[in-house]
């Protein structure tokens, strides 16, 4: 027989609502939905999943002058200016 532990988890209302909706859409209970979500998260952690991509500079020259990768606004400015990325190398 499978042993189960009963516990209380405090979730923000909006998160619980989303979990409830998703579980219902899949025809599952909230418990089974959360159980699978936790199993998936633990498996990813144990597998040491890496980010989906890694940013590497072109040709090892580093970031191009004037490009601030930490600022979405600065990157948007470059795009709006129509800056030719290749000309900045």
PDB file of N, CA and C in Angstrom:
ATOM      1  N   UNK A   1       0.837  -1.182   0.000  1.00  0.00           N
ATOM      2  CA  UNK A   1       0.000   0.000   0.000  1.00  0.00           C
ATOM      3  C   UNK A   1       0.882   1.246   0.000  1.00  0.00           C
ATOM      4  N   UNK A   2       0.512   2.230  -0.806  1.00  0.00           N
ATOM      5  CA  UNK A   2       1.250   3.474  -0.920  1.00  0.00           C
ATOM      6  C   UNK A   2       0.979   4.353   0.297  1.00  0.00           C
ATOM      7  N   UNK A   3       2.036   4.766   0.958  1.00  0.00           N
ATOM      8  CA  UNK A   3       1.889   5.644   2.120  1.00  0.00           C
ATOM      9  C   UNK A   3       1.859   7.097   1.647  1.00  0.00           C
ATOM     10  N   UNK A   4       0.972   7.879   2.183  1.00  0.00           N
ATOM     11  CA  UNK A   4       0.858   9.292   1.830  1.00  0.00           C
ATOM     12  C   UNK A   4       0.914  10.130   3.098  1.00  0.00           C
ATOM     13  N   UNK A   5       1.465  11.323   2.948  1.00  0.00           N
ATOM     14  CA  UNK A   5       1.525  12.275   4.041  1.00  0.00           C
ATOM     15  C   UNK A   5       0.553  13.396   3.710  1.00  0.00           C
ATOM     16  N   UNK A   6      -0.224  13.775   4.645  1.00  0.00           N
ATOM     17  CA  UNK A   6      -1.142  14.891   4.460  1.00  0.00           C
ATOM     18  C   UNK A   6      -0.437  16.132   5.014  1.00  0.00           C
ATOM     19  N   UNK A   7      -0.457  17.215   4.233  1.00  0.00           N
ATOM     20  CA  UNK A   7       0.212  18.431   4.663  1.00  0.00           C
ATOM     21  C   UNK A   7      -0.585  19.638   4.200  1.00  0.00           C
ATOM     22  N   UNK A   8      -0.240  20.778   4.713  1.00  0.00           N
ATOM     23  CA  UNK A   8      -0.869  22.032   4.312  1.00  0.00           C
ATOM     24  C   UNK A   8       0.169  22.879   3.601  1.00  0.00           C
ATOM     25  N   UNK A   9      -0.224  23.424   2.463  1.00  0.00           N
ATOM     26  CA  UNK A   9       0.664  24.297   1.697  1.00  0.00           C
ATOM     27  C   UNK A   9      -0.056  25.621   1.510  1.00  0.00           C
ATOM     28  N   UNK A  10       0.613  26.714   1.800  1.00  0.00           N
ATOM     29  CA  UNK A  10       0.031  28.039   1.614  1.00  0.00           C
ATOM     30  C   UNK A  10       0.446  28.563   0.240  1.00  0.00           C
ATOM     31  N   UNK A  11      -0.552  28.851  -0.598  1.00  0.00           N
ATOM     32  CA  UNK A  11      -0.306  29.373  -1.939  1.00  0.00           C
ATOM     33  C   UNK A  11      -1.053  30.685  -2.106  1.00  0.00           C
ATOM     34  N   UNK A  12      -0.498  31.606  -2.883  1.00  0.00           N
ATOM     35  CA  UNK A  12      -1.248  32.822  -3.200  1.00  0.00           C
ATOM     36  C   UNK A  12      -2.541  32.438  -3.932  1.00  0.00           C
ATOM     37  N   UNK A  13      -3.598  33.203  -3.707  1.00  0.00           N
ATOM     38  CA  UNK A  13      -4.901  32.900  -4.298  1.00  0.00           C
ATOM     39  C   UNK A  13      -4.829  32.728  -5.809  1.00  0.00           C
ATOM     40  N   UNK A  14      -4.106  33.631  -6.490  1.00  0.00           N
ATOM     41  CA  UNK A  14      -4.069  33.563  -7.954  1.00  0.00           C
ATOM     42  C   UNK A  14      -3.345  32.301  -8.447  1.00  0.00           C
ATOM     43  N   UNK A  15      -2.305  31.873  -7.725  1.00  0.00           N
ATOM     44  CA  UNK A  15      -1.597  30.645  -8.104  1.00  0.00           C
ATOM     45  C   UNK A  15      -2.489  29.432  -7.887  1.00  0.00           C
ATOM     46  N   UNK A  16      -3.170  29.384  -6.751  1.00  0.00           N
ATOM     47  CA  UNK A  16      -4.072  28.263  -6.486  1.00  0.00           C
ATOM     48  C   UNK A  16      -5.191  28.211  -7.532  1.00  0.00           C
ATOM     49  N   UNK A  17      -5.698  29.373  -7.900  1.00  0.00           N
ATOM     50  CA  UNK A  17      -6.747  29.420  -8.920  1.00  0.00           C
ATOM     51  C   UNK A  17      -6.260  28.855 -10.246  1.00  0.00           C
ATOM     52  N   UNK A  18      -5.048  29.208 -10.640  1.00  0.00           N
ATOM     53  CA  UNK A  18      -4.477  28.690 -11.886  1.00  0.00           C
ATOM     54  C   UNK A  18      -4.258  27.179 -11.804  1.00  0.00           C
ATOM     55  N   UNK A  19      -3.768  26.712 -10.673  1.00  0.00           N
ATOM     56  CA  UNK A  19      -3.573  25.269 -10.483  1.00  0.00           C
ATOM     57  C   UNK A  19      -4.914  24.547 -10.579  1.00  0.00           C
ATOM     58  N   UNK A  20      -5.917  25.084  -9.919  1.00  0.00           N
ATOM     59  CA  UNK A  20      -7.249  24.472  -9.951  1.00  0.00           C
ATOM     60  C   UNK A  20      -7.809  24.402 -11.372  1.00  0.00           C
ATOM     61  N   UNK A  21      -7.639  25.506 -12.131  1.00  0.00           N
ATOM     62  CA  UNK A  21      -8.131  25.547 -13.517  1.00  0.00           C
ATOM     63  C   UNK A  21      -7.388  24.541 -14.394  1.00  0.00           C
ATOM     64  N   UNK A  22      -6.052  24.515 -14.257  1.00  0.00           N
ATOM     65  CA  UNK A  22      -5.268  23.585 -15.075  1.00  0.00           C
ATOM     66  C   UNK A  22      -5.606  22.143 -14.753  1.00  0.00           C
ATOM     67  N   UNK A  23      -5.743  21.834 -13.470  1.00  0.00           N
ATOM     68  CA  UNK A  23      -6.086  20.470 -13.064  1.00  0.00           C
ATOM     69  C   UNK A  23      -7.444  20.091 -13.639  1.00  0.00           C
ATOM     70  N   UNK A  24      -8.407  20.985 -13.557  1.00  0.00           N
ATOM     71  CA  UNK A  24      -9.749  20.710 -14.085  1.00  0.00           C
ATOM     72  C   UNK A  24      -9.697  20.514 -15.599  1.00  0.00           C
ATOM     73  N   UNK A  25      -8.926  21.357 -16.301  1.00  0.00           N
ATOM     74  CA  UNK A  25      -8.791  21.232 -17.756  1.00  0.00           C
ATOM     75  C   UNK A  25      -8.233  19.866 -18.151  1.00  0.00           C
ATOM     76  N   UNK A  26      -7.357  19.326 -17.299  1.00  0.00           N
ATOM     77  CA  UNK A  26      -6.737  18.031 -17.573  1.00  0.00           C
ATOM     78  C   UNK A  26      -7.521  16.868 -16.964  1.00  0.00           C
ATOM     79  N   UNK A  27      -8.641  17.186 -16.313  1.00  0.00           N
ATOM     80  CA  UNK A  27      -9.456  16.141 -15.694  1.00  0.00           C
ATOM     81  C   UNK A  27      -8.766  15.479 -14.515  1.00  0.00           C
ATOM     82  N   UNK A  28      -7.986  16.261 -13.784  1.00  0.00           N
ATOM     83  CA  UNK A  28      -7.226  15.735 -12.648  1.00  0.00           C
ATOM     84  C   UNK A  28      -7.622  16.445 -11.371  1.00  0.00           C
ATOM     85  N   UNK A  29      -7.210  15.878 -10.256  1.00  0.00           N
ATOM     86  CA  UNK A  29      -7.400  16.555  -8.973  1.00  0.00           C
ATOM     87  C   UNK A  29      -6.242  17.532  -8.769  1.00  0.00           C
ATOM     88  N   UNK A  30      -6.474  18.502  -7.899  1.00  0.00           N
ATOM     89  CA  UNK A  30      -5.402  19.438  -7.553  1.00  0.00           C
ATOM     90  C   UNK A  30      -4.220  18.667  -6.958  1.00  0.00           C
ATOM     91  N   UNK A  31      -4.514  17.678  -6.133  1.00  0.00           N
ATOM     92  CA  UNK A  31      -3.448  16.876  -5.516  1.00  0.00           C
ATOM     93  C   UNK A  31      -2.587  16.197  -6.569  1.00  0.00           C
ATOM     94  N   UNK A  32      -3.209  15.547  -7.561  1.00  0.00           N
ATOM     95  CA  UNK A  32      -2.413  14.845  -8.568  1.00  0.00           C
ATOM     96  C   UNK A  32      -1.632  15.829  -9.428  1.00  0.00           C
ATOM     97  N   UNK A  33      -2.223  17.005  -9.693  1.00  0.00           N
ATOM     98  CA  UNK A  33      -1.525  18.033 -10.468  1.00  0.00           C
ATOM     99  C   UNK A  33      -0.283  18.509  -9.722  1.00  0.00           C
ATOM    100  N   UNK A  34      -0.450  18.838  -8.438  1.00  0.00           N
ATOM    101  CA  UNK A  34       0.687  19.311  -7.639  1.00  0.00           C
ATOM    102  C   UNK A  34       1.739  18.218  -7.466  1.00  0.00           C
ATOM    103  N   UNK A  35       1.302  16.985  -7.276  1.00  0.00           N
ATOM    104  CA  UNK A  35       2.248  15.881  -7.139  1.00  0.00           C
ATOM    105  C   UNK A  35       3.117  15.769  -8.386  1.00  0.00           C
ATOM    106  N   UNK A  36       2.500  15.818  -9.565  1.00  0.00           N
ATOM    107  CA  UNK A  36       3.278  15.710 -10.806  1.00  0.00           C
ATOM    108  C   UNK A  36       4.192  16.914 -10.992  1.00  0.00           C
ATOM    109  N   UNK A  37       3.697  18.108 -10.661  1.00  0.00           N
ATOM    110  CA  UNK A  37       4.517  19.315 -10.781  1.00  0.00           C
ATOM    111  C   UNK A  37       5.755  19.222  -9.893  1.00  0.00           C
ATOM    112  N   UNK A  38       5.586  18.730  -8.677  1.00  0.00           N
ATOM    113  CA  UNK A  38       6.722  18.570  -7.765  1.00  0.00           C
ATOM    114  C   UNK A  38       7.687  17.499  -8.263  1.00  0.00           C
ATOM    115  N   UNK A  39       7.160  16.381  -8.768  1.00  0.00           N
ATOM    116  CA  UNK A  39       8.034  15.338  -9.311  1.00  0.00           C
ATOM    117  C   UNK A  39       8.852  15.867 -10.489  1.00  0.00           C
ATOM    118  N   UNK A  40       8.192  16.621 -11.377  1.00  0.00           N
ATOM    119  CA  UNK A  40       8.882  17.201 -12.533  1.00  0.00           C
ATOM    120  C   UNK A  40       9.981  18.172 -12.093  1.00  0.00           C
ATOM    121  N   UNK A  41       9.671  19.026 -11.117  1.00  0.00           N
ATOM    122  CA  UNK A  41      10.650  19.997 -10.629  1.00  0.00           C
ATOM    123  C   UNK A  41      11.847  19.291  -9.990  1.00  0.00           C
ATOM    124  N   UNK A  42      11.586  18.257  -9.203  1.00  0.00           N
ATOM    125  CA  UNK A  42      12.678  17.505  -8.572  1.00  0.00           C
ATOM    126  C   UNK A  42      13.529  16.794  -9.616  1.00  0.00           C
ATOM    127  N   UNK A  43      12.905  16.239 -10.642  1.00  0.00           N
ATOM    128  CA  UNK A  43      13.655  15.548 -11.691  1.00  0.00           C
ATOM    129  C   UNK A  43      14.551  16.525 -12.440  1.00  0.00           C
ATOM    130  N   UNK A  44      14.038  17.729 -12.745  1.00  0.00           N
ATOM    131  CA  UNK A  44      14.861  18.747 -13.431  1.00  0.00           C
ATOM    132  C   UNK A  44      16.042  19.138 -12.558  1.00  0.00           C
ATOM    133  N   UNK A  45      15.791  19.307 -11.272  1.00  0.00           N
ATOM    134  CA  UNK A  45      16.860  19.697 -10.345  1.00  0.00           C
ATOM    135  C   UNK A  45      17.939  18.608 -10.273  1.00  0.00           C
ATOM    136  N   UNK A  46      17.504  17.356 -10.151  1.00  0.00           N
ATOM    137  CA  UNK A  46      18.456  16.243 -10.059  1.00  0.00           C
ATOM    138  C   UNK A  46      19.243  16.074 -11.343  1.00  0.00           C
ATOM    139  N   UNK A  47      18.619  16.370 -12.478  1.00  0.00           N
ATOM    140  CA  UNK A  47      19.295  16.230 -13.765  1.00  0.00           C
ATOM    141  C   UNK A  47      20.262  17.383 -14.005  1.00  0.00           C
ATOM    142  N   UNK A  48      20.179  18.419 -13.155  1.00  0.00           N
ATOM    143  CA  UNK A  48      21.069  19.565 -13.321  1.00  0.00           C
ATOM    144  C   UNK A  48      20.792  20.325 -14.602  1.00  0.00           C
ATOM    145  N   UNK A  49      19.511  20.446 -14.950  1.00  0.00           N
ATOM    146  CA  UNK A  49      19.134  21.147 -16.176  1.00  0.00           C
ATOM    147  C   UNK A  49      19.797  22.511 -16.233  1.00  0.00           C
ATOM    148  N   UNK A  50      20.256  22.826 -17.420  1.00  0.00           N
ATOM    149  CA  UNK A  50      20.904  24.106 -17.664  1.00  0.00           C
ATOM    150  C   UNK A  50      19.916  25.024 -18.366  1.00  0.00           C
ATOM    151  N   UNK A  51      20.210  26.317 -18.380  1.00  0.00           N
ATOM    152  CA  UNK A  51      19.336  27.235 -19.121  1.00  0.00           C
ATOM    153  C   UNK A  51      19.227  26.782 -20.575  1.00  0.00           C
ATOM    154  N   UNK A  52      18.127  27.147 -21.264  1.00  0.00           N
ATOM    155  CA  UNK A  52      17.930  26.684 -22.626  1.00  0.00           C
ATOM    156  C   UNK A  52      18.975  27.194 -23.612  1.00  0.00           C
ATOM    157  N   UNK A  53      19.682  28.270 -23.277  1.00  0.00           N
ATOM    158  CA  UNK A  53      20.717  28.775 -24.170  1.00  0.00           C
ATOM    159  C   UNK A  53      21.752  29.532 -23.356  1.00  0.00           C
ATOM    160  N   UNK A  54      22.909  29.710 -23.952  1.00  0.00           N
ATOM    161  CA  UNK A  54      23.990  30.452 -23.321  1.00  0.00           C
ATOM    162  C   UNK A  54      24.409  31.551 -24.282  1.00  0.00           C
ATOM    163  N   UNK A  55      24.535  32.775 -23.806  1.00  0.00           N
ATOM    164  CA  UNK A  55      24.972  33.887 -24.652  1.00  0.00           C
ATOM    165  C   UNK A  55      26.492  33.906 -24.670  1.00  0.00           C
ATOM    166  N   UNK A  56      27.052  33.826 -25.871  1.00  0.00           N
ATOM    167  CA  UNK A  56      28.507  33.879 -26.035  1.00  0.00           C
ATOM    168  C   UNK A  56      28.839  35.010 -27.008  1.00  0.00           C
ATOM    169  N   UNK A  57      29.875  35.782 -26.739  1.00  0.00           N
ATOM    170  CA  UNK A  57      30.241  36.854 -27.668  1.00  0.00           C
ATOM    171  C   UNK A  57      30.759  36.273 -28.987  1.00  0.00           C
ATOM    172  N   UNK A  58      30.543  37.017 -30.075  1.00  0.00           N
ATOM    173  CA  UNK A  58      31.057  36.608 -31.372  1.00  0.00           C
ATOM    174  C   UNK A  58      32.576  36.728 -31.399  1.00  0.00           C
ATOM    175  N   UNK A  59      33.235  35.774 -31.968  1.00  0.00           N
ATOM    176  CA  UNK A  59      34.684  35.785 -32.187  1.00  0.00           C
ATOM    177  C   UNK A  59      35.496  36.140 -30.949  1.00  0.00           C
ATOM    178  N   UNK A  60      34.920  35.973 -29.770  1.00  0.00           N
ATOM    179  CA  UNK A  60      35.671  36.218 -28.539  1.00  0.00           C
ATOM    180  C   UNK A  60      36.011  37.671 -28.296  1.00  0.00           C
ATOM    181  N   UNK A  61      35.399  38.605 -29.061  1.00  0.00           N
ATOM    182  CA  UNK A  61      35.718  40.030 -28.919  1.00  0.00           C
ATOM    183  C   UNK A  61      34.953  40.686 -27.776  1.00  0.00           C
ATOM    184  N   UNK A  62      34.064  39.960 -27.134  1.00  0.00           N
ATOM    185  CA  UNK A  62      33.252  40.545 -26.075  1.00  0.00           C
ATOM    186  C   UNK A  62      32.042  41.247 -26.653  1.00  0.00           C
ATOM    187  N   UNK A  63      31.351  41.964 -25.814  1.00  0.00           N
ATOM    188  CA  UNK A  63      30.146  42.673 -26.235  1.00  0.00           C
ATOM    189  C   UNK A  63      30.550  43.882 -27.064  1.00  0.00           C
ATOM    190  N   UNK A  64      29.779  44.157 -28.100  1.00  0.00           N
ATOM    191  CA  UNK A  64      30.067  45.292 -28.979  1.00  0.00           C
ATOM    192  C   UNK A  64      29.952  46.597 -28.194  1.00  0.00           C
ATOM    193  N   UNK A  65      30.749  47.601 -28.555  1.00  0.00           N
ATOM    194  CA  UNK A  65      30.666  48.900 -27.875  1.00  0.00           C
ATOM    195  C   UNK A  65      29.256  49.469 -27.966  1.00  0.00           C
ATOM    196  N   UNK A  66      28.781  50.011 -26.874  1.00  0.00           N
ATOM    197  CA  UNK A  66      27.467  50.631 -26.853  1.00  0.00           C
ATOM    198  C   UNK A  66      26.320  49.679 -26.597  1.00  0.00           C
ATOM    199  N   UNK A  67      26.604  48.399 -26.416  1.00  0.00           N
ATOM    200  CA  UNK A  67      25.546  47.425 -26.176  1.00  0.00           C
ATOM    201  C   UNK A  67      25.551  47.065 -24.698  1.00  0.00           C
ATOM    202  N   UNK A  68      24.427  47.346 -24.040  1.00  0.00           N
ATOM    203  CA  UNK A  68      24.272  47.014 -22.628  1.00  0.00           C
ATOM    204  C   UNK A  68      23.272  45.870 -22.528  1.00  0.00           C
ATOM    205  N   UNK A  69      23.779  44.643 -22.337  1.00  0.00           N
ATOM    206  CA  UNK A  69      22.916  43.471 -22.308  1.00  0.00           C
ATOM    207  C   UNK A  69      21.988  43.437 -21.107  1.00  0.00           C
ATOM    208  N   UNK A  70      22.244  44.288 -20.121  1.00  0.00           N
ATOM    209  CA  UNK A  70      21.392  44.298 -18.931  1.00  0.00           C
ATOM    210  C   UNK A  70      20.224  45.264 -19.061  1.00  0.00           C
ATOM    211  N   UNK A  71      20.154  45.988 -20.180  1.00  0.00           N
ATOM    212  CA  UNK A  71      19.118  47.008 -20.334  1.00  0.00           C
ATOM    213  C   UNK A  71      18.274  46.746 -21.580  1.00  0.00           C
ATOM    214  N   UNK A  72      17.035  46.337 -21.358  1.00  0.00           N
ATOM    215  CA  UNK A  72      16.129  46.161 -22.494  1.00  0.00           C
ATOM    216  C   UNK A  72      15.907  47.475 -23.221  1.00  0.00           C
ATOM    217  N   UNK A  73      15.841  48.564 -22.468  1.00  0.00           N
ATOM    218  CA  UNK A  73      15.611  49.874 -23.079  1.00  0.00           C
ATOM    219  C   UNK A  73      16.758  50.238 -24.012  1.00  0.00           C
ATOM    220  N   UNK A  74      18.001  49.971 -23.597  1.00  0.00           N
ATOM    221  CA  UNK A  74      19.160  50.291 -24.434  1.00  0.00           C
ATOM    222  C   UNK A  74      19.158  49.438 -25.699  1.00  0.00           C
ATOM    223  N   UNK A  75      18.802  48.168 -25.580  1.00  0.00           N
ATOM    224  CA  UNK A  75      18.748  47.297 -26.755  1.00  0.00           C
ATOM    225  C   UNK A  75      17.635  47.741 -27.698  1.00  0.00           C
ATOM    226  N   UNK A  76      16.500  48.171 -27.130  1.00  0.00           N
ATOM    227  CA  UNK A  76      15.397  48.652 -27.956  1.00  0.00           C
ATOM    228  C   UNK A  76      15.803  49.922 -28.696  1.00  0.00           C
ATOM    229  N   UNK A  77      16.556  50.793 -28.025  1.00  0.00           N
ATOM    230  CA  UNK A  77      17.044  52.016 -28.668  1.00  0.00           C
ATOM    231  C   UNK A  77      17.888  51.682 -29.884  1.00  0.00           C
ATOM    232  N   UNK A  78      18.791  50.712 -29.745  1.00  0.00           N
ATOM    233  CA  UNK A  78      19.629  50.311 -30.875  1.00  0.00           C
ATOM    234  C   UNK A  78      18.764  49.823 -32.028  1.00  0.00           C
ATOM    235  N   UNK A  79      17.737  49.055 -31.707  1.00  0.00           N
ATOM    236  CA  UNK A  79      16.848  48.528 -32.739  1.00  0.00           C
ATOM    237  C   UNK A  79      16.082  49.658 -33.414  1.00  0.00           C
ATOM    238  N   UNK A  80      15.568  50.591 -32.619  1.00  0.00           N
ATOM    239  CA  UNK A  80      14.800  51.707 -33.174  1.00  0.00           C
ATOM    240  C   UNK A  80      15.670  52.617 -34.029  1.00  0.00           C
ATOM    241  N   UNK A  81      16.949  52.754 -33.657  1.00  0.00           N
ATOM    242  CA  UNK A  81      17.874  53.571 -34.437  1.00  0.00           C
ATOM    243  C   UNK A  81      18.207  52.903 -35.764  1.00  0.00           C
ATOM    244  N   UNK A  82      17.899  51.618 -35.852  1.00  0.00           N
ATOM    245  CA  UNK A  82      18.250  50.884 -37.059  1.00  0.00           C
ATOM    246  C   UNK A  82      19.748  50.623 -37.124  1.00  0.00           C
ATOM    247  N   UNK A  83      20.368  50.556 -35.974  1.00  0.00           N
ATOM    248  CA  UNK A  83      21.810  50.342 -35.903  1.00  0.00           C
ATOM    249  C   UNK A  83      22.180  49.023 -36.559  1.00  0.00           C
ATOM    250  N   UNK A  84      23.145  49.071 -37.437  1.00  0.00           N
ATOM    251  CA  UNK A  84      23.663  47.885 -38.093  1.00  0.00           C
ATOM    252  C   UNK A  84      24.627  47.207 -37.122  1.00  0.00           C
ATOM    253  N   UNK A  85      24.223  46.089 -36.622  1.00  0.00           N
ATOM    254  CA  UNK A  85      25.024  45.388 -35.615  1.00  0.00           C
ATOM    255  C   UNK A  85      26.426  45.110 -36.129  1.00  0.00           C
ATOM    256  N   UNK A  86      26.564  44.687 -37.373  1.00  0.00           N
ATOM    257  CA  UNK A  86      27.880  44.348 -37.921  1.00  0.00           C
ATOM    258  C   UNK A  86      28.801  45.547 -37.987  1.00  0.00           C
ATOM    259  N   UNK A  87      28.236  46.754 -38.135  1.00  0.00           N
ATOM    260  CA  UNK A  87      29.085  47.942 -38.231  1.00  0.00           C
ATOM    261  C   UNK A  87      29.655  48.325 -36.866  1.00  0.00           C
ATOM    262  N   UNK A  88      29.092  47.806 -35.796  1.00  0.00           N
ATOM    263  CA  UNK A  88      29.550  48.165 -34.452  1.00  0.00           C
ATOM    264  C   UNK A  88      30.689  47.278 -33.982  1.00  0.00           C
ATOM    265  N   UNK A  89      31.094  46.318 -34.774  1.00  0.00           N
ATOM    266  CA  UNK A  89      32.187  45.412 -34.373  1.00  0.00           C
ATOM    267  C   UNK A  89      33.514  46.028 -34.634  1.00  0.00           C
TER     268      UNK A  89
END
